[in-house]
């Protein structure tokens, strides 16, 4: 390492600082790589999901529990508002 120019009493501290900086840089690189991998996986999942959804067509909305499924109204028949 290029710390020979430092006085002998400072060399221990400089080695510690170099080690700490190296560890911090390594942690930052690992975190950035993990974020990039996760973002790539999310993009792939979204693209595949949109392609599958596009081919399968829109799904019907989920029915709330306790409600009856709505039936189509026959043509020519009007629905009266409730209470009449």
C-alpha atoms as a PDB file:
ATOM      1  CA  UNK A   1       0.000   0.000   0.000  1.00  0.00           C
ATOM      2  CA  UNK A   2       1.153   3.541  -0.677  1.00  0.00           C
ATOM      3  CA  UNK A   3       1.278   4.736   2.934  1.00  0.00           C
ATOM      4  CA  UNK A   4       5.045   4.722   3.432  1.00  0.00           C
ATOM      5  CA  UNK A   5       5.156   8.489   3.399  1.00  0.00           C
ATOM      6  CA  UNK A   6       3.082   8.631   6.590  1.00  0.00           C
ATOM      7  CA  UNK A   7       4.822   8.747   9.946  1.00  0.00           C
ATOM      8  CA  UNK A   8       4.933   5.366  11.741  1.00  0.00           C
ATOM      9  CA  UNK A   9       2.363   6.361  14.378  1.00  0.00           C
ATOM     10  CA  UNK A  10      -0.252   7.137  11.670  1.00  0.00           C
ATOM     11  CA  UNK A  11       0.128   3.956   9.607  1.00  0.00           C
ATOM     12  CA  UNK A  12      -2.211   1.867  11.767  1.00  0.00           C
ATOM     13  CA  UNK A  13      -4.991   4.407  11.430  1.00  0.00           C
ATOM     14  CA  UNK A  14      -4.509   4.687   7.687  1.00  0.00           C
ATOM     15  CA  UNK A  15      -4.734   0.913   7.262  1.00  0.00           C
ATOM     16  CA  UNK A  16      -7.953   0.903   9.279  1.00  0.00           C
ATOM     17  CA  UNK A  17      -9.365   3.736   7.166  1.00  0.00           C
ATOM     18  CA  UNK A  18      -8.466   1.915   3.941  1.00  0.00           C
ATOM     19  CA  UNK A  19     -10.142  -1.269   5.206  1.00  0.00           C
ATOM     20  CA  UNK A  20     -13.290   0.604   6.282  1.00  0.00           C
ATOM     21  CA  UNK A  21     -13.518   2.435   2.948  1.00  0.00           C
ATOM     22  CA  UNK A  22     -13.041  -0.855   1.064  1.00  0.00           C
ATOM     23  CA  UNK A  23     -15.801  -2.524   3.087  1.00  0.00           C
ATOM     24  CA  UNK A  24     -18.175   0.408   2.545  1.00  0.00           C
ATOM     25  CA  UNK A  25     -17.506   0.410  -1.202  1.00  0.00           C
ATOM     26  CA  UNK A  26     -18.084  -3.345  -1.331  1.00  0.00           C
ATOM     27  CA  UNK A  27     -21.397  -3.034   0.540  1.00  0.00           C
ATOM     28  CA  UNK A  28     -22.544  -0.230  -1.763  1.00  0.00           C
ATOM     29  CA  UNK A  29     -21.660  -2.273  -4.853  1.00  0.00           C
ATOM     30  CA  UNK A  30     -23.531  -5.310  -3.524  1.00  0.00           C
ATOM     31  CA  UNK A  31     -26.623  -3.233  -2.653  1.00  0.00           C
ATOM     32  CA  UNK A  32     -26.659  -1.543  -6.074  1.00  0.00           C
ATOM     33  CA  UNK A  33     -26.292  -4.914  -7.799  1.00  0.00           C
ATOM     34  CA  UNK A  34     -29.172  -6.326  -5.740  1.00  0.00           C
ATOM     35  CA  UNK A  35     -31.393  -3.358  -6.636  1.00  0.00           C
ATOM     36  CA  UNK A  36     -30.573  -3.784 -10.332  1.00  0.00           C
ATOM     37  CA  UNK A  37     -31.370  -7.516 -10.185  1.00  0.00           C
ATOM     38  CA  UNK A  38     -34.673  -6.913  -8.379  1.00  0.00           C
ATOM     39  CA  UNK A  39     -35.644  -4.196 -10.864  1.00  0.00           C
ATOM     40  CA  UNK A  40     -34.861  -6.526 -13.754  1.00  0.00           C
ATOM     41  CA  UNK A  41     -36.969  -9.305 -12.253  1.00  0.00           C
ATOM     42  CA  UNK A  42     -39.866  -6.892 -11.715  1.00  0.00           C
ATOM     43  CA  UNK A  43     -39.670  -5.702 -15.331  1.00  0.00           C
ATOM     44  CA  UNK A  44     -39.623  -9.291 -16.636  1.00  0.00           C
ATOM     45  CA  UNK A  45     -42.573 -10.287 -14.454  1.00  0.00           C
ATOM     46  CA  UNK A  46     -44.591  -7.237 -15.532  1.00  0.00           C
ATOM     47  CA  UNK A  47     -43.865  -7.845 -19.219  1.00  0.00           C
ATOM     48  CA  UNK A  48     -44.728 -11.542 -19.005  1.00  0.00           C
ATOM     49  CA  UNK A  49     -47.861 -10.765 -17.001  1.00  0.00           C
ATOM     50  CA  UNK A  50     -49.016  -8.160 -19.497  1.00  0.00           C
ATOM     51  CA  UNK A  51     -48.439 -10.545 -22.416  1.00  0.00           C
ATOM     52  CA  UNK A  52     -50.309 -13.354 -20.674  1.00  0.00           C
ATOM     53  CA  UNK A  53     -53.102 -10.979 -19.682  1.00  0.00           C
ATOM     54  CA  UNK A  54     -53.332  -9.613 -23.207  1.00  0.00           C
ATOM     55  CA  UNK A  55     -53.659 -13.096 -24.708  1.00  0.00           C
ATOM     56  CA  UNK A  56     -56.082 -14.401 -22.090  1.00  0.00           C
ATOM     57  CA  UNK A  57     -58.302 -11.343 -22.247  1.00  0.00           C
ATOM     58  CA  UNK A  58     -59.558  -9.266 -19.341  1.00  0.00           C
ATOM     59  CA  UNK A  59     -60.557 -11.209 -16.290  1.00  0.00           C
ATOM     60  CA  UNK A  60     -63.977 -10.674 -14.738  1.00  0.00           C
ATOM     61  CA  UNK A  61     -63.980  -8.609 -11.592  1.00  0.00           C
ATOM     62  CA  UNK A  62     -63.855 -10.559  -8.372  1.00  0.00           C
ATOM     63  CA  UNK A  63     -67.276 -10.935  -6.769  1.00  0.00           C
ATOM     64  CA  UNK A  64     -67.663  -9.535  -3.291  1.00  0.00           C
ATOM     65  CA  UNK A  65     -68.810 -12.092  -0.720  1.00  0.00           C
ATOM     66  CA  UNK A  66     -72.502 -11.913   0.078  1.00  0.00           C
ATOM     67  CA  UNK A  67     -73.579 -10.522  -3.304  1.00  0.00           C
ATOM     68  CA  UNK A  68     -75.356 -12.358  -6.079  1.00  0.00           C
ATOM     69  CA  UNK A  69     -73.683 -12.548  -9.468  1.00  0.00           C
ATOM     70  CA  UNK A  70     -75.313 -10.086 -11.807  1.00  0.00           C
ATOM     71  CA  UNK A  71     -77.288 -11.589 -14.675  1.00  0.00           C
ATOM     72  CA  UNK A  72     -77.544  -9.855 -18.027  1.00  0.00           C
ATOM     73  CA  UNK A  73     -80.833  -8.040 -18.594  1.00  0.00           C
ATOM     74  CA  UNK A  74     -82.772  -9.410 -21.578  1.00  0.00           C
ATOM     75  CA  UNK A  75     -83.041  -6.918 -24.449  1.00  0.00           C
ATOM     76  CA  UNK A  76     -86.192  -4.787 -24.472  1.00  0.00           C
ATOM     77  CA  UNK A  77     -86.618  -4.998 -20.696  1.00  0.00           C
ATOM     78  CA  UNK A  78     -85.885  -1.969 -18.571  1.00  0.00           C
ATOM     79  CA  UNK A  79     -84.646  -2.166 -15.049  1.00  0.00           C
ATOM     80  CA  UNK A  80     -86.732  -0.177 -12.619  1.00  0.00           C
ATOM     81  CA  UNK A  81     -84.991   1.635  -9.788  1.00  0.00           C
ATOM     82  CA  UNK A  82     -85.294  -0.174  -6.495  1.00  0.00           C
ATOM     83  CA  UNK A  83     -88.244   0.798  -4.336  1.00  0.00           C
ATOM     84  CA  UNK A  84     -90.809   1.165  -7.128  1.00  0.00           C
END
